[in-house]
């Protein structure tokens, strides 16, 4: 640590350096950290003098990392991210009063919210904070207790437990399903209006892959309504806008309520699943453990249906 102190001169300088490198600007770094721009410049200069290398190439309007700066930024950003995650986890443990569950909008609306009353009845003292995100949750970086990810349950950064197998079948409103002409074979679905899910970040199966699974590879699914959130896809399907993907674990209640109809005989089991995940490096607080066990119990009921 003495050598590190000598080379870096102050942990504060590492924070200034990381912000300046991330923004490509001393001014923007200063704004983020709520300090004056000369303070950032002075900290970087002092680091460069201590290390004996130039970390940034300075131009009139921006700064760019040198090769040495890129090397340092790679490790510093990762180290600070881990420190932040640890600090968040410790802070949460210190607060000891709430559990954060990060899920997609559709999972929140159609799987979690219908079960919240039962959760409150089973655990009236729990403070659950349901957080929706368009990204698969990064447990440590975001400092959250629990999350739901699609995949195969083999993540290095977190433990996982299966909530639902990924099973997909075509869905539509009962009216659209009844009026669809000649849906005796899968290829005939190509003549119907399709609703496409195009999430900007998450990787999700496509209509093309679904048709390929059913050995329909000679024709591309025609253009239709394209939406970037599965909750919107379901609303569009309920409203009669066409046929959409029906993920079984999300849509089975909507089908039971008569809001949607499904061609369940055309199911595709992809081999992936939806998993509840929690950190390997940070232990769960007791409240989060109770939420985890409750969700997994509910999932087992759904898996058995």
Protein backbone atom coordinates (compact mmCIF):
# COMPACT_ATOMS: atom_id res chain seq x y z
CA UNK A 1 0.00 0.00 0.00
CA UNK A 2 2.89 2.35 0.64
CA UNK A 3 4.08 1.92 -2.94
CA UNK A 4 0.55 2.53 -4.23
CA UNK A 5 0.32 5.71 -2.18
CA UNK A 6 3.62 6.86 -3.64
CA UNK A 7 2.61 6.13 -7.24
CA UNK A 8 -0.96 7.44 -7.10
CA UNK A 9 -0.55 10.06 -4.33
CA UNK A 10 -4.27 9.98 -3.44
CA UNK A 11 -7.23 7.60 -3.96
CA UNK A 12 -9.19 10.72 -4.91
CA UNK A 13 -6.98 11.09 -7.97
CA UNK A 14 -8.02 7.65 -9.21
CA UNK A 15 -11.66 8.74 -9.12
CA UNK A 16 -10.80 11.92 -11.03
CA UNK A 17 -8.83 9.87 -13.57
CA UNK A 18 -11.63 7.32 -14.11
CA UNK A 19 -14.25 10.04 -14.67
CA UNK A 20 -12.01 12.00 -17.06
CA UNK A 21 -11.19 8.87 -19.05
CA UNK A 22 -14.83 7.78 -19.23
CA UNK A 23 -16.04 11.20 -20.41
CA UNK A 24 -13.02 12.08 -22.53
CA UNK A 25 -13.19 15.49 -20.89
CA UNK A 26 -11.78 17.08 -17.74
CA UNK A 27 -14.69 19.54 -17.73
CA UNK A 28 -17.37 16.84 -17.85
CA UNK A 29 -15.55 14.87 -15.17
CA UNK A 30 -15.50 17.93 -12.96
CA UNK A 31 -19.23 18.42 -13.49
CA UNK A 32 -19.99 14.84 -12.53
CA UNK A 33 -17.84 15.01 -9.40
CA UNK A 34 -19.02 18.51 -8.45
CA UNK A 35 -15.53 20.04 -8.41
CA UNK A 36 -13.80 22.70 -10.48
CA UNK A 37 -12.11 21.70 -13.73
CA UNK A 38 -8.63 22.89 -12.55
CA UNK A 39 -8.87 20.40 -9.66
CA UNK A 40 -9.26 17.53 -12.13
CA UNK A 41 -6.43 18.81 -14.32
CA UNK A 42 -4.13 19.19 -11.32
CA UNK A 43 -4.93 15.68 -10.06
CA UNK A 44 -4.18 14.13 -13.47
CA UNK A 45 -0.93 16.12 -13.77
CA UNK A 46 0.16 14.92 -10.34
CA UNK A 47 -0.61 11.31 -11.26
CA UNK A 48 1.37 11.62 -14.49
CA UNK A 49 4.34 13.04 -12.60
CA UNK A 50 4.21 10.28 -9.97
CA UNK A 51 3.86 7.51 -12.56
CA UNK A 52 6.35 9.05 -14.98
CA UNK A 53 4.07 8.62 -18.01
CA UNK A 54 1.54 10.70 -19.91
CA UNK A 55 -1.99 9.38 -19.36
CA UNK A 56 -3.89 11.71 -21.70
CA UNK A 57 -3.31 13.38 -25.04
CA UNK A 58 -4.74 16.88 -24.66
CA UNK A 59 -6.45 18.67 -27.53
CA UNK A 60 -8.44 21.88 -27.61
CA UNK A 61 -11.87 20.35 -27.02
CA UNK A 62 -11.21 16.90 -25.59
CA UNK A 63 -8.68 14.57 -24.05
CA UNK A 64 -7.84 11.06 -25.19
CA UNK A 65 -6.16 8.27 -23.31
CA UNK A 66 -2.65 7.28 -24.27
CA UNK A 67 -1.80 3.59 -24.44
CA UNK A 68 -0.55 3.79 -20.84
CA UNK A 69 -3.76 5.58 -19.87
CA UNK A 70 -5.88 2.88 -21.49
CA UNK A 71 -4.01 0.22 -19.53
CA UNK A 72 -4.56 2.04 -16.26
CA UNK A 73 -8.21 2.86 -17.03
CA UNK A 74 -9.04 -0.79 -17.70
CA UNK A 75 -8.00 -1.84 -14.20
CA UNK A 76 -9.08 1.29 -12.35
CA UNK A 77 -12.62 1.27 -13.77
CA UNK A 78 -13.06 -2.40 -12.89
CA UNK A 79 -11.68 -1.91 -9.38
CA UNK A 80 -13.89 1.11 -8.70
CA UNK A 81 -16.95 -0.73 -10.02
CA UNK A 82 -16.28 -3.56 -7.58
CA UNK A 83 -15.75 -1.14 -4.71
CA UNK A 84 -19.03 0.59 -5.59
CA UNK A 85 -20.91 -2.72 -5.70
CA UNK A 86 -19.46 -3.72 -2.35
CA UNK A 87 -20.29 -0.33 -0.82
CA UNK A 88 -23.88 -0.59 -2.09
CA UNK A 89 -24.23 -4.07 -0.67
CA UNK A 90 -22.82 -3.02 2.69
CA UNK A 91 -25.10 0.00 2.71
CA UNK A 92 -28.11 -2.20 1.96
CA UNK A 93 -27.07 -4.61 4.70
CA UNK A 94 -26.73 -1.66 7.06
CA UNK A 95 -30.19 -0.40 6.13
CA UNK A 96 -31.52 -3.94 6.48
CA UNK A 97 -35.01 -2.80 5.58
CA UNK A 98 -35.76 -3.57 1.93
CA UNK A 99 -35.26 -6.03 -0.89
CA UNK A 100 -34.75 -4.97 -4.52
CA UNK A 101 -35.97 -7.30 -7.27
CA UNK A 102 -34.90 -6.38 -10.83
CA UNK A 103 -37.04 -7.82 -13.64
CA UNK A 104 -38.33 -7.02 -17.12
CA UNK A 105 -41.50 -4.95 -17.45
CA UNK A 106 -43.49 -7.92 -18.73
CA UNK A 107 -42.34 -10.20 -15.90
CA UNK A 108 -43.24 -7.49 -13.40
CA UNK A 109 -46.73 -6.88 -14.84
CA UNK A 110 -47.78 -10.42 -15.68
CA UNK A 111 -45.89 -12.71 -13.29
CA UNK A 112 -44.93 -10.73 -10.20
CA UNK A 113 -47.71 -8.16 -9.71
CA UNK A 114 -50.55 -10.76 -9.76
CA UNK A 115 -48.73 -12.56 -6.93
CA UNK A 116 -47.91 -9.51 -4.77
CA UNK A 117 -51.03 -9.77 -2.64
CA UNK A 118 -50.11 -13.35 -1.74
CA UNK A 119 -46.55 -12.26 -0.94
CA UNK A 120 -47.86 -9.53 1.38
CA UNK A 121 -50.20 -12.00 3.04
CA UNK A 122 -47.41 -14.53 3.54
CA UNK A 123 -44.82 -11.93 4.60
CA UNK A 124 -46.59 -8.72 5.69
CA UNK A 125 -43.42 -7.16 7.12
CA UNK A 126 -41.37 -7.34 3.90
CA UNK A 127 -40.40 -4.16 2.03
CA UNK A 128 -40.03 -5.29 -1.59
CA UNK A 129 -38.93 -2.78 -4.22
CA UNK A 130 -39.77 -4.01 -7.71
CA UNK A 131 -37.40 -2.49 -10.26
CA UNK A 132 -37.94 -2.85 -14.02
CA UNK A 133 -35.03 -2.69 -16.44
CA UNK A 134 -34.42 -3.18 -20.18
CA UNK A 135 -31.13 -4.94 -19.35
CA UNK A 136 -30.45 -8.33 -17.85
CA UNK A 137 -29.65 -7.38 -14.23
CA UNK A 138 -26.00 -7.01 -13.20
CA UNK A 139 -26.39 -7.99 -9.58
CA UNK A 140 -23.14 -6.64 -8.14
CA UNK A 141 -22.77 -3.54 -10.30
CA UNK A 142 -26.33 -2.42 -9.62
CA UNK A 143 -26.31 -3.37 -5.94
CA UNK A 144 -29.61 -5.23 -6.18
CA UNK A 145 -30.73 -8.18 -4.09
CA UNK A 146 -32.36 -10.45 -6.66
CA UNK A 147 -32.96 -10.42 -10.40
CA UNK A 148 -34.38 -12.49 -13.22
CA UNK A 149 -32.22 -13.45 -16.23
CA UNK A 150 -32.84 -15.48 -19.36
CA UNK A 151 -30.15 -18.03 -20.10
CA UNK A 152 -28.87 -21.42 -19.05
CA UNK A 153 -28.16 -20.89 -15.35
CA UNK A 154 -24.36 -20.89 -15.68
CA UNK A 155 -23.29 -17.35 -14.75
CA UNK A 156 -19.95 -16.81 -13.01
CA UNK A 157 -21.06 -13.77 -11.02
CA UNK A 158 -24.21 -15.13 -9.45
CA UNK A 159 -26.08 -18.16 -8.17
CA UNK A 160 -29.25 -19.08 -10.01
CA UNK A 161 -32.42 -21.14 -9.65
CA UNK A 162 -34.87 -21.97 -12.42
CA UNK A 163 -38.17 -20.10 -12.42
CA UNK A 164 -39.49 -21.27 -15.78
CA UNK A 165 -38.37 -23.20 -18.85
CA UNK A 166 -38.48 -21.09 -22.00
CA UNK A 167 -41.52 -22.35 -23.92
CA UNK A 168 -42.87 -20.21 -26.77
CA UNK A 169 -46.08 -20.56 -28.77
CA UNK A 170 -48.14 -18.21 -30.98
CA UNK A 171 -50.75 -16.13 -29.20
CA UNK A 172 -53.43 -13.69 -30.32
CA UNK A 173 -56.69 -12.27 -29.08
CA UNK A 174 -59.50 -14.85 -29.20
CA UNK A 175 -61.15 -12.84 -31.99
CA UNK A 176 -58.00 -12.79 -34.15
CA UNK A 177 -57.33 -16.47 -33.45
CA UNK A 178 -60.89 -17.43 -34.46
CA UNK A 179 -60.81 -15.37 -37.64
CA UNK A 180 -57.39 -16.57 -38.83
CA UNK A 181 -57.81 -18.46 -42.08
CA UNK A 182 -56.72 -22.08 -42.26
CA UNK A 183 -54.31 -22.35 -39.32
CA UNK A 184 -54.02 -26.08 -39.79
CA UNK A 185 -50.26 -25.95 -40.46
CA UNK A 186 -47.40 -23.80 -39.22
CA UNK A 187 -46.53 -22.32 -42.66
CA UNK A 188 -50.01 -20.81 -42.90
CA UNK A 189 -49.17 -18.55 -39.96
CA UNK A 190 -46.86 -16.68 -42.34
CA UNK A 191 -49.98 -15.21 -43.98
CA UNK A 192 -51.12 -13.61 -40.71
CA UNK A 193 -50.07 -10.25 -39.29
CA UNK A 194 -47.18 -10.82 -36.88
CA UNK A 195 -46.08 -8.70 -33.94
CA UNK A 196 -42.29 -8.64 -33.61
CA UNK A 197 -40.34 -8.09 -30.39
CA UNK A 198 -37.15 -6.11 -31.03
CA UNK A 199 -35.57 -5.37 -27.66
CA UNK A 200 -32.57 -3.04 -27.99
CA UNK A 201 -30.27 -4.90 -25.58
CA UNK A 202 -31.65 -8.24 -24.42
CA UNK A 203 -31.15 -11.21 -26.70
CA UNK A 204 -34.49 -12.84 -27.45
CA UNK A 205 -35.63 -15.48 -29.99
CA UNK A 206 -37.24 -14.23 -33.21
CA UNK A 207 -40.12 -15.32 -35.40
CA UNK A 208 -37.56 -16.48 -37.96
CA UNK A 209 -36.02 -18.83 -35.40
CA UNK A 210 -39.43 -20.08 -34.31
CA UNK A 211 -40.41 -20.93 -37.88
CA UNK A 212 -37.00 -22.55 -38.48
CA UNK A 213 -37.58 -24.78 -35.44
CA UNK A 214 -40.77 -25.93 -37.16
CA UNK A 215 -38.82 -26.59 -40.39
CA UNK A 216 -40.14 -23.52 -42.21
CA UNK A 217 -36.98 -22.00 -43.65
CA UNK A 218 -37.82 -21.13 -47.24
CA UNK A 219 -39.79 -17.95 -46.46
CA UNK A 220 -39.12 -14.95 -44.24
CA UNK A 221 -41.87 -13.83 -41.83
CA UNK A 222 -43.50 -10.77 -43.32
CA UNK A 223 -43.18 -7.34 -41.77
CA UNK A 224 -45.65 -6.36 -39.11
CA UNK A 225 -45.88 -4.33 -35.95
CA UNK A 226 -42.48 -4.03 -34.23
CA UNK A 227 -42.21 -3.17 -30.53
CA UNK A 228 -39.23 -2.95 -28.19
CA UNK A 229 -40.87 -4.15 -24.96
CA UNK A 230 -42.66 -7.43 -24.37
CA UNK A 231 -45.30 -5.83 -22.16
CA UNK A 232 -46.27 -3.68 -25.17
CA UNK A 233 -46.29 -6.79 -27.37
CA UNK A 234 -48.80 -8.44 -25.07
CA UNK A 235 -50.99 -5.35 -24.96
CA UNK A 236 -50.95 -5.19 -28.76
CA UNK A 237 -51.89 -8.88 -29.01
CA UNK A 238 -54.75 -8.43 -26.52
CA UNK A 239 -55.93 -5.43 -28.58
CA UNK A 240 -56.13 -7.60 -31.70
CA UNK A 241 -53.10 -6.31 -33.59
CA UNK A 242 -51.99 -9.77 -34.69
CA UNK A 243 -50.07 -12.85 -33.59
CA UNK A 244 -47.24 -12.56 -31.06
CA UNK A 245 -44.79 -14.78 -29.21
CA UNK A 246 -46.34 -16.25 -26.09
CA UNK A 247 -43.80 -17.07 -23.40
CA UNK A 248 -45.68 -19.67 -21.39
CA UNK A 249 -44.68 -18.50 -17.90
CA UNK A 250 -45.88 -14.95 -18.65
CA UNK A 251 -48.98 -15.64 -20.74
CA UNK A 252 -50.62 -18.70 -19.17
CA UNK A 253 -52.72 -16.58 -16.79
CA UNK A 254 -53.81 -14.25 -19.60
CA UNK A 255 -54.88 -17.30 -21.59
CA UNK A 256 -56.75 -18.73 -18.58
CA UNK A 257 -58.57 -15.38 -18.19
CA UNK A 258 -59.65 -15.46 -21.84
CA UNK A 259 -57.68 -12.35 -22.78
CA UNK A 260 -55.49 -14.34 -25.16
CA UNK A 261 -55.76 -17.58 -27.12
CA UNK A 262 -52.78 -19.78 -27.98
CA UNK A 263 -51.65 -22.48 -30.41
CA UNK A 264 -49.99 -24.45 -27.63
CA UNK A 265 -49.58 -27.49 -29.86
CA UNK A 266 -46.99 -25.41 -31.75
CA UNK A 267 -44.83 -24.87 -28.66
CA UNK A 268 -41.08 -24.44 -28.97
CA UNK A 269 -38.96 -25.42 -25.94
CA UNK A 270 -35.72 -23.57 -26.65
CA UNK A 271 -33.59 -25.21 -23.94
CA UNK A 272 -33.07 -21.86 -22.21
CA UNK A 273 -34.90 -20.73 -19.12
CA UNK A 274 -35.68 -17.80 -16.86
CA UNK A 275 -33.71 -17.85 -13.63
CA UNK A 276 -33.81 -16.05 -10.32
CA UNK A 277 -30.24 -14.85 -9.65
CA UNK A 278 -28.35 -13.46 -6.66
CA UNK A 279 -24.74 -12.52 -6.00
CA UNK A 280 -21.98 -15.04 -5.36
CA UNK A 281 -19.79 -12.43 -3.66
CA UNK A 282 -22.32 -10.72 -1.38
CA UNK A 283 -24.59 -12.64 0.96
CA UNK A 284 -28.31 -11.97 0.98
CA UNK A 285 -29.88 -10.21 3.93
CA UNK A 286 -32.54 -12.33 5.73
CA UNK A 287 -35.41 -10.44 4.05
CA UNK A 288 -33.96 -11.17 0.60
CA UNK A 289 -33.58 -14.85 1.49
CA UNK A 290 -37.28 -14.96 2.37
CA UNK A 291 -38.25 -13.32 -0.95
CA UNK A 292 -36.00 -15.74 -2.83
CA UNK A 293 -37.58 -18.78 -1.21
CA UNK A 294 -41.10 -17.42 -1.73
CA UNK A 295 -40.51 -16.76 -5.45
CA UNK A 296 -39.01 -20.22 -5.95
CA UNK A 297 -41.99 -21.83 -4.20
CA UNK A 298 -44.35 -19.95 -6.51
CA UNK A 299 -42.24 -20.95 -9.52
CA UNK A 300 -42.47 -24.61 -8.53
CA UNK A 301 -46.26 -24.34 -8.54
CA UNK A 302 -46.16 -22.86 -12.07
CA UNK A 303 -43.65 -25.45 -13.29
CA UNK A 304 -45.94 -28.22 -12.12
CA UNK A 305 -48.93 -26.88 -14.07
